[in-house]
């Protein structure tokens, strides 16, 4: 049985082809709306807002309830 041989040039070719495929994939996605028009529920909007609030304060523990209540106020005020 013959051994499979891998040459350096084959490896380099595969790696360069991978880069081309990634570039082509990214180009194909340009201009495509990747988020469908979906209405978020109130709870989902609050969750996202609370996460953003926690992120702004560096995710320090101990203020989760306050983050949630502030997010509720923000979401309800935006309606």
PDB file of N, CA and C in Angstrom:
ATOM      1  N   UNK A   1       0.849  -1.175   0.000  1.00  0.00           N
ATOM      2  CA  UNK A   1       0.000   0.000   0.000  1.00  0.00           C
ATOM      3  C   UNK A   1       0.893   1.236   0.000  1.00  0.00           C
ATOM      4  N   UNK A   2       0.603   2.166  -0.862  1.00  0.00           N
ATOM      5  CA  UNK A   2       1.422   3.371  -0.974  1.00  0.00           C
ATOM      6  C   UNK A   2       1.022   4.376   0.093  1.00  0.00           C
ATOM      7  N   UNK A   3       2.027   5.066   0.611  1.00  0.00           N
ATOM      8  CA  UNK A   3       1.762   6.094   1.609  1.00  0.00           C
ATOM      9  C   UNK A   3       1.269   7.361   0.924  1.00  0.00           C
ATOM     10  N   UNK A   4       0.318   8.013   1.547  1.00  0.00           N
ATOM     11  CA  UNK A   4      -0.139   9.305   1.036  1.00  0.00           C
ATOM     12  C   UNK A   4       0.931  10.328   1.354  1.00  0.00           C
ATOM     13  N   UNK A   5       1.291  11.099   0.347  1.00  0.00           N
ATOM     14  CA  UNK A   5       2.338  12.079   0.542  1.00  0.00           C
ATOM     15  C   UNK A   5       1.739  13.464   0.454  1.00  0.00           C
ATOM     16  N   UNK A   6       2.143  14.279   1.365  1.00  0.00           N
ATOM     17  CA  UNK A   6       1.667  15.655   1.397  1.00  0.00           C
ATOM     18  C   UNK A   6       2.844  16.563   1.135  1.00  0.00           C
ATOM     19  N   UNK A   7       2.750  17.327   0.099  1.00  0.00           N
ATOM     20  CA  UNK A   7       3.845  18.247  -0.184  1.00  0.00           C
ATOM     21  C   UNK A   7       3.511  19.619   0.359  1.00  0.00           C
ATOM     22  N   UNK A   8       4.547  20.387   0.593  1.00  0.00           N
ATOM     23  CA  UNK A   8       4.362  21.728   1.139  1.00  0.00           C
ATOM     24  C   UNK A   8       3.537  22.578   0.181  1.00  0.00           C
ATOM     25  N   UNK A   9       3.750  22.402  -1.121  1.00  0.00           N
ATOM     26  CA  UNK A   9       3.009  23.211  -2.090  1.00  0.00           C
ATOM     27  C   UNK A   9       1.517  22.886  -2.052  1.00  0.00           C
ATOM     28  N   UNK A  10       1.151  21.625  -1.807  1.00  0.00           N
ATOM     29  CA  UNK A  10      -0.264  21.260  -1.696  1.00  0.00           C
ATOM     30  C   UNK A  10      -0.905  21.930  -0.492  1.00  0.00           C
ATOM     31  N   UNK A  11      -0.189  21.934   0.635  1.00  0.00           N
ATOM     32  CA  UNK A  11      -0.703  22.570   1.844  1.00  0.00           C
ATOM     33  C   UNK A  11      -0.890  24.059   1.607  1.00  0.00           C
ATOM     34  N   UNK A  12       0.099  24.691   0.999  1.00  0.00           N
ATOM     35  CA  UNK A  12       0.003  26.121   0.720  1.00  0.00           C
ATOM     36  C   UNK A  12      -1.164  26.420  -0.215  1.00  0.00           C
ATOM     37  N   UNK A  13      -1.382  25.556  -1.194  1.00  0.00           N
ATOM     38  CA  UNK A  13      -2.482  25.763  -2.134  1.00  0.00           C
ATOM     39  C   UNK A  13      -3.832  25.655  -1.428  1.00  0.00           C
ATOM     40  N   UNK A  14      -3.973  24.672  -0.551  1.00  0.00           N
ATOM     41  CA  UNK A  14      -5.222  24.508   0.189  1.00  0.00           C
ATOM     42  C   UNK A  14      -5.483  25.727   1.057  1.00  0.00           C
ATOM     43  N   UNK A  15      -4.443  26.191   1.749  1.00  0.00           N
ATOM     44  CA  UNK A  15      -4.612  27.359   2.610  1.00  0.00           C
ATOM     45  C   UNK A  15      -4.976  28.597   1.807  1.00  0.00           C
ATOM     46  N   UNK A  16      -4.355  28.784   0.661  1.00  0.00           N
ATOM     47  CA  UNK A  16      -4.688  29.967  -0.139  1.00  0.00           C
ATOM     48  C   UNK A  16      -6.093  29.844  -0.710  1.00  0.00           C
ATOM     49  N   UNK A  17      -6.521  28.639  -1.053  1.00  0.00           N
ATOM     50  CA  UNK A  17      -7.886  28.442  -1.545  1.00  0.00           C
ATOM     51  C   UNK A  17      -8.909  28.706  -0.449  1.00  0.00           C
ATOM     52  N   UNK A  18      -8.577  28.345   0.791  1.00  0.00           N
ATOM     53  CA  UNK A  18      -9.484  28.618   1.907  1.00  0.00           C
ATOM     54  C   UNK A  18      -9.728  30.106   2.034  1.00  0.00           C
ATOM     55  N   UNK A  19      -8.669  30.895   1.934  1.00  0.00           N
ATOM     56  CA  UNK A  19      -8.804  32.346   2.019  1.00  0.00           C
ATOM     57  C   UNK A  19      -9.702  32.875   0.920  1.00  0.00           C
ATOM     58  N   UNK A  20      -9.541  32.345  -0.288  1.00  0.00           N
ATOM     59  CA  UNK A  20     -10.379  32.773  -1.409  1.00  0.00           C
ATOM     60  C   UNK A  20     -11.842  32.431  -1.154  1.00  0.00           C
ATOM     61  N   UNK A  21     -12.091  31.248  -0.619  1.00  0.00           N
ATOM     62  CA  UNK A  21     -13.470  30.825  -0.353  1.00  0.00           C
ATOM     63  C   UNK A  21     -14.112  31.713   0.700  1.00  0.00           C
ATOM     64  N   UNK A  22     -13.350  32.061   1.718  1.00  0.00           N
ATOM     65  CA  UNK A  22     -13.886  32.942   2.757  1.00  0.00           C
ATOM     66  C   UNK A  22     -14.213  34.302   2.167  1.00  0.00           C
ATOM     67  N   UNK A  23     -13.289  34.840   1.363  1.00  0.00           N
ATOM     68  CA  UNK A  23     -13.529  36.138   0.732  1.00  0.00           C
ATOM     69  C   UNK A  23     -14.763  36.093  -0.160  1.00  0.00           C
ATOM     70  N   UNK A  24     -14.910  35.021  -0.927  1.00  0.00           N
ATOM     71  CA  UNK A  24     -16.078  34.892  -1.805  1.00  0.00           C
ATOM     72  C   UNK A  24     -17.362  34.790  -0.993  1.00  0.00           C
ATOM     73  N   UNK A  25     -17.317  34.057   0.111  1.00  0.00           N
ATOM     74  CA  UNK A  25     -18.493  33.933   0.964  1.00  0.00           C
ATOM     75  C   UNK A  25     -18.898  35.263   1.553  1.00  0.00           C
ATOM     76  N   UNK A  26     -17.910  36.044   1.980  1.00  0.00           N
ATOM     77  CA  UNK A  26     -18.209  37.365   2.536  1.00  0.00           C
ATOM     78  C   UNK A  26     -18.780  38.286   1.469  1.00  0.00           C
ATOM     79  N   UNK A  27     -18.226  38.223   0.270  1.00  0.00           N
ATOM     80  CA  UNK A  27     -18.749  39.050  -0.825  1.00  0.00           C
ATOM     81  C   UNK A  27     -20.187  38.667  -1.157  1.00  0.00           C
ATOM     82  N   UNK A  28     -20.488  37.386  -1.104  1.00  0.00           N
ATOM     83  CA  UNK A  28     -21.843  36.928  -1.414  1.00  0.00           C
ATOM     84  C   UNK A  28     -22.846  37.425  -0.384  1.00  0.00           C
ATOM     85  N   UNK A  29     -22.389  37.622   0.848  1.00  0.00           N
ATOM     86  CA  UNK A  29     -23.292  38.070   1.901  1.00  0.00           C
ATOM     87  C   UNK A  29     -23.507  39.576   1.903  1.00  0.00           C
ATOM     88  N   UNK A  30     -22.651  40.331   1.223  1.00  0.00           N
ATOM     89  CA  UNK A  30     -22.808  41.781   1.206  1.00  0.00           C
ATOM     90  C   UNK A  30     -24.155  42.140   0.596  1.00  0.00           C
ATOM     91  N   UNK A  31     -24.829  43.031   1.237  1.00  0.00           N
ATOM     92  CA  UNK A  31     -26.116  43.485   0.738  1.00  0.00           C
ATOM     93  C   UNK A  31     -27.277  42.582   1.104  1.00  0.00           C
ATOM     94  N   UNK A  32     -27.005  41.501   1.793  1.00  0.00           N
ATOM     95  CA  UNK A  32     -28.068  40.585   2.199  1.00  0.00           C
ATOM     96  C   UNK A  32     -28.473  40.936   3.624  1.00  0.00           C
ATOM     97  N   UNK A  33     -29.742  41.157   3.819  1.00  0.00           N
ATOM     98  CA  UNK A  33     -30.240  41.437   5.162  1.00  0.00           C
ATOM     99  C   UNK A  33     -30.242  40.134   5.932  1.00  0.00           C
ATOM    100  N   UNK A  34     -29.385  40.049   6.941  1.00  0.00           N
ATOM    101  CA  UNK A  34     -29.257  38.799   7.673  1.00  0.00           C
ATOM    102  C   UNK A  34     -30.236  38.686   8.827  1.00  0.00           C
ATOM    103  N   UNK A  35     -30.969  39.737   9.118  1.00  0.00           N
ATOM    104  CA  UNK A  35     -31.970  39.685  10.184  1.00  0.00           C
ATOM    105  C   UNK A  35     -33.341  39.857   9.560  1.00  0.00           C
ATOM    106  N   UNK A  36     -34.147  38.842   9.608  1.00  0.00           N
ATOM    107  CA  UNK A  36     -35.490  38.988   9.049  1.00  0.00           C
ATOM    108  C   UNK A  36     -36.290  39.999   9.864  1.00  0.00           C
ATOM    109  N   UNK A  37     -37.274  40.588   9.226  1.00  0.00           N
ATOM    110  CA  UNK A  37     -38.135  41.540   9.921  1.00  0.00           C
ATOM    111  C   UNK A  37     -39.056  40.778  10.862  1.00  0.00           C
ATOM    112  N   UNK A  38     -38.619  40.685  12.098  1.00  0.00           N
ATOM    113  CA  UNK A  38     -39.372  39.956  13.111  1.00  0.00           C
ATOM    114  C   UNK A  38     -39.629  40.909  14.262  1.00  0.00           C
ATOM    115  N   UNK A  39     -40.864  40.954  14.692  1.00  0.00           N
ATOM    116  CA  UNK A  39     -41.232  41.795  15.832  1.00  0.00           C
ATOM    117  C   UNK A  39     -40.813  41.085  17.112  1.00  0.00           C
ATOM    118  N   UNK A  40     -39.978  41.760  17.910  1.00  0.00           N
ATOM    119  CA  UNK A  40     -39.564  41.184  19.185  1.00  0.00           C
ATOM    120  C   UNK A  40     -40.663  41.375  20.214  1.00  0.00           C
ATOM    121  N   UNK A  41     -40.799  40.419  21.085  1.00  0.00           N
ATOM    122  CA  UNK A  41     -41.772  40.558  22.168  1.00  0.00           C
ATOM    123  C   UNK A  41     -41.237  41.565  23.181  1.00  0.00           C
ATOM    124  N   UNK A  42     -42.112  42.033  24.039  1.00  0.00           N
ATOM    125  CA  UNK A  42     -41.708  42.974  25.087  1.00  0.00           C
ATOM    126  C   UNK A  42     -40.609  42.352  25.948  1.00  0.00           C
ATOM    127  N   UNK A  43     -40.783  41.086  26.315  1.00  0.00           N
ATOM    128  CA  UNK A  43     -39.803  40.404  27.150  1.00  0.00           C
ATOM    129  C   UNK A  43     -38.441  40.322  26.465  1.00  0.00           C
ATOM    130  N   UNK A  44     -38.429  40.035  25.162  1.00  0.00           N
ATOM    131  CA  UNK A  44     -37.165  39.963  24.427  1.00  0.00           C
ATOM    132  C   UNK A  44     -36.484  41.325  24.379  1.00  0.00           C
ATOM    133  N   UNK A  45     -37.270  42.384  24.159  1.00  0.00           N
ATOM    134  CA  UNK A  45     -36.693  43.733  24.138  1.00  0.00           C
ATOM    135  C   UNK A  45     -36.128  44.095  25.506  1.00  0.00           C
ATOM    136  N   UNK A  46     -36.833  43.724  26.567  1.00  0.00           N
ATOM    137  CA  UNK A  46     -36.346  44.006  27.923  1.00  0.00           C
ATOM    138  C   UNK A  46     -35.055  43.240  28.185  1.00  0.00           C
ATOM    139  N   UNK A  47     -35.020  41.967  27.792  1.00  0.00           N
ATOM    140  CA  UNK A  47     -33.810  41.166  27.989  1.00  0.00           C
ATOM    141  C   UNK A  47     -32.609  41.786  27.289  1.00  0.00           C
ATOM    142  N   UNK A  48     -32.811  42.217  26.041  1.00  0.00           N
ATOM    143  CA  UNK A  48     -31.719  42.835  25.289  1.00  0.00           C
ATOM    144  C   UNK A  48     -31.287  44.151  25.922  1.00  0.00           C
ATOM    145  N   UNK A  49     -32.252  44.946  26.360  1.00  0.00           N
ATOM    146  CA  UNK A  49     -31.930  46.225  27.001  1.00  0.00           C
ATOM    147  C   UNK A  49     -31.201  45.997  28.320  1.00  0.00           C
ATOM    148  N   UNK A  50     -31.646  45.029  29.108  1.00  0.00           N
ATOM    149  CA  UNK A  50     -30.993  44.737  30.387  1.00  0.00           C
ATOM    150  C   UNK A  50     -29.559  44.267  30.168  1.00  0.00           C
ATOM    151  N   UNK A  51     -29.358  43.478  29.140  1.00  0.00           N
ATOM    152  CA  UNK A  51     -27.997  43.031  28.818  1.00  0.00           C
ATOM    153  C   UNK A  51     -27.121  44.226  28.462  1.00  0.00           C
ATOM    154  N   UNK A  52     -27.644  45.129  27.637  1.00  0.00           N
ATOM    155  CA  UNK A  52     -26.877  46.310  27.236  1.00  0.00           C
ATOM    156  C   UNK A  52     -26.545  47.185  28.440  1.00  0.00           C
ATOM    157  N   UNK A  53     -27.486  47.321  29.349  1.00  0.00           N
ATOM    158  CA  UNK A  53     -27.250  48.110  30.564  1.00  0.00           C
ATOM    159  C   UNK A  53     -26.149  47.456  31.396  1.00  0.00           C
ATOM    160  N   UNK A  54     -26.235  46.144  31.578  1.00  0.00           N
ATOM    161  CA  UNK A  54     -25.212  45.421  32.345  1.00  0.00           C
ATOM    162  C   UNK A  54     -23.849  45.531  31.667  1.00  0.00           C
ATOM    163  N   UNK A  55     -23.849  45.463  30.356  1.00  0.00           N
ATOM    164  CA  UNK A  55     -22.601  45.582  29.607  1.00  0.00           C
ATOM    165  C   UNK A  55     -21.972  46.956  29.819  1.00  0.00           C
ATOM    166  N   UNK A  56     -22.797  48.006  29.792  1.00  0.00           N
ATOM    167  CA  UNK A  56     -22.289  49.368  29.992  1.00  0.00           C
ATOM    168  C   UNK A  56     -21.638  49.533  31.358  1.00  0.00           C
ATOM    169  N   UNK A  57     -22.129  48.823  32.357  1.00  0.00           N
ATOM    170  CA  UNK A  57     -21.553  48.957  33.697  1.00  0.00           C
ATOM    171  C   UNK A  57     -20.510  47.877  33.986  1.00  0.00           C
ATOM    172  N   UNK A  58     -20.090  47.162  32.944  1.00  0.00           N
ATOM    173  CA  UNK A  58     -19.005  46.194  33.075  1.00  0.00           C
ATOM    174  C   UNK A  58     -19.395  44.871  33.699  1.00  0.00           C
ATOM    175  N   UNK A  59     -20.691  44.528  33.675  1.00  0.00           N
ATOM    176  CA  UNK A  59     -21.194  43.255  34.207  1.00  0.00           C
ATOM    177  C   UNK A  59     -20.834  43.040  35.677  1.00  0.00           C
ATOM    178  N   UNK A  60     -20.699  44.117  36.421  1.00  0.00           N
ATOM    179  CA  UNK A  60     -20.445  43.979  37.859  1.00  0.00           C
ATOM    180  C   UNK A  60     -21.665  43.329  38.511  1.00  0.00           C
ATOM    181  N   UNK A  61     -21.467  42.323  39.352  1.00  0.00           N
ATOM    182  CA  UNK A  61     -22.603  41.641  39.980  1.00  0.00           C
ATOM    183  C   UNK A  61     -23.289  42.509  41.029  1.00  0.00           C
ATOM    184  N   UNK A  62     -24.561  42.194  41.272  1.00  0.00           N
ATOM    185  CA  UNK A  62     -25.301  42.844  42.338  1.00  0.00           C
ATOM    186  C   UNK A  62     -26.335  43.850  41.886  1.00  0.00           C
ATOM    187  N   UNK A  63     -26.377  44.160  40.586  1.00  0.00           N
ATOM    188  CA  UNK A  63     -27.333  45.167  40.100  1.00  0.00           C
ATOM    189  C   UNK A  63     -28.283  44.605  39.053  1.00  0.00           C
ATOM    190  N   UNK A  64     -28.448  43.299  39.031  1.00  0.00           N
ATOM    191  CA  UNK A  64     -29.253  42.668  37.993  1.00  0.00           C
ATOM    192  C   UNK A  64     -30.707  43.125  38.034  1.00  0.00           C
ATOM    193  N   UNK A  65     -31.281  43.220  39.221  1.00  0.00           N
ATOM    194  CA  UNK A  65     -32.681  43.642  39.340  1.00  0.00           C
ATOM    195  C   UNK A  65     -32.848  45.079  38.877  1.00  0.00           C
ATOM    196  N   UNK A  66     -31.926  45.942  39.273  1.00  0.00           N
ATOM    197  CA  UNK A  66     -31.990  47.338  38.842  1.00  0.00           C
ATOM    198  C   UNK A  66     -31.849  47.448  37.327  1.00  0.00           C
ATOM    199  N   UNK A  67     -30.954  46.627  36.738  1.00  0.00           N
ATOM    200  CA  UNK A  67     -30.793  46.620  35.278  1.00  0.00           C
ATOM    201  C   UNK A  67     -32.111  46.244  34.611  1.00  0.00           C
ATOM    202  N   UNK A  68     -32.766  45.211  35.142  1.00  0.00           N
ATOM    203  CA  UNK A  68     -34.024  44.735  34.557  1.00  0.00           C
ATOM    204  C   UNK A  68     -35.107  45.805  34.660  1.00  0.00           C
ATOM    205  N   UNK A  69     -35.213  46.436  35.832  1.00  0.00           N
ATOM    206  CA  UNK A  69     -36.247  47.461  36.021  1.00  0.00           C
ATOM    207  C   UNK A  69     -35.996  48.675  35.132  1.00  0.00           C
ATOM    208  N   UNK A  70     -34.729  49.060  34.988  1.00  0.00           N
ATOM    209  CA  UNK A  70     -34.399  50.172  34.092  1.00  0.00           C
ATOM    210  C   UNK A  70     -34.725  49.803  32.648  1.00  0.00           C
ATOM    211  N   UNK A  71     -34.432  48.567  32.274  1.00  0.00           N
ATOM    212  CA  UNK A  71     -34.737  48.105  30.919  1.00  0.00           C
ATOM    213  C   UNK A  71     -36.243  48.121  30.673  1.00  0.00           C
ATOM    214  N   UNK A  72     -37.030  47.704  31.659  1.00  0.00           N
ATOM    215  CA  UNK A  72     -38.493  47.759  31.520  1.00  0.00           C
ATOM    216  C   UNK A  72     -38.956  49.191  31.280  1.00  0.00           C
ATOM    217  N   UNK A  73     -38.413  50.133  32.054  1.00  0.00           N
ATOM    218  CA  UNK A  73     -38.802  51.538  31.883  1.00  0.00           C
ATOM    219  C   UNK A  73     -38.441  52.038  30.488  1.00  0.00           C
ATOM    220  N   UNK A  74     -37.238  51.695  30.017  1.00  0.00           N
ATOM    221  CA  UNK A  74     -36.802  52.132  28.693  1.00  0.00           C
ATOM    222  C   UNK A  74     -37.698  51.559  27.597  1.00  0.00           C
ATOM    223  N   UNK A  75     -37.985  50.270  27.687  1.00  0.00           N
ATOM    224  CA  UNK A  75     -38.807  49.613  26.663  1.00  0.00           C
ATOM    225  C   UNK A  75     -40.220  50.180  26.671  1.00  0.00           C
ATOM    226  N   UNK A  76     -40.792  50.353  27.853  1.00  0.00           N
ATOM    227  CA  UNK A  76     -42.156  50.880  27.941  1.00  0.00           C
ATOM    228  C   UNK A  76     -42.228  52.333  27.479  1.00  0.00           C
ATOM    229  N   UNK A  77     -41.193  53.115  27.740  1.00  0.00           N
ATOM    230  CA  UNK A  77     -41.174  54.515  27.311  1.00  0.00           C
ATOM    231  C   UNK A  77     -41.043  54.634  25.794  1.00  0.00           C
ATOM    232  N   UNK A  78     -40.425  53.648  25.169  1.00  0.00           N
ATOM    233  CA  UNK A  78     -40.230  53.681  23.719  1.00  0.00           C
ATOM    234  C   UNK A  78     -41.486  53.307  22.946  1.00  0.00           C
ATOM    235  N   UNK A  79     -42.504  52.786  23.622  1.00  0.00           N
ATOM    236  CA  UNK A  79     -43.731  52.349  22.942  1.00  0.00           C
ATOM    237  C   UNK A  79     -44.614  53.486  22.625  1.00  0.00           C
TER     238      UNK A  79
END
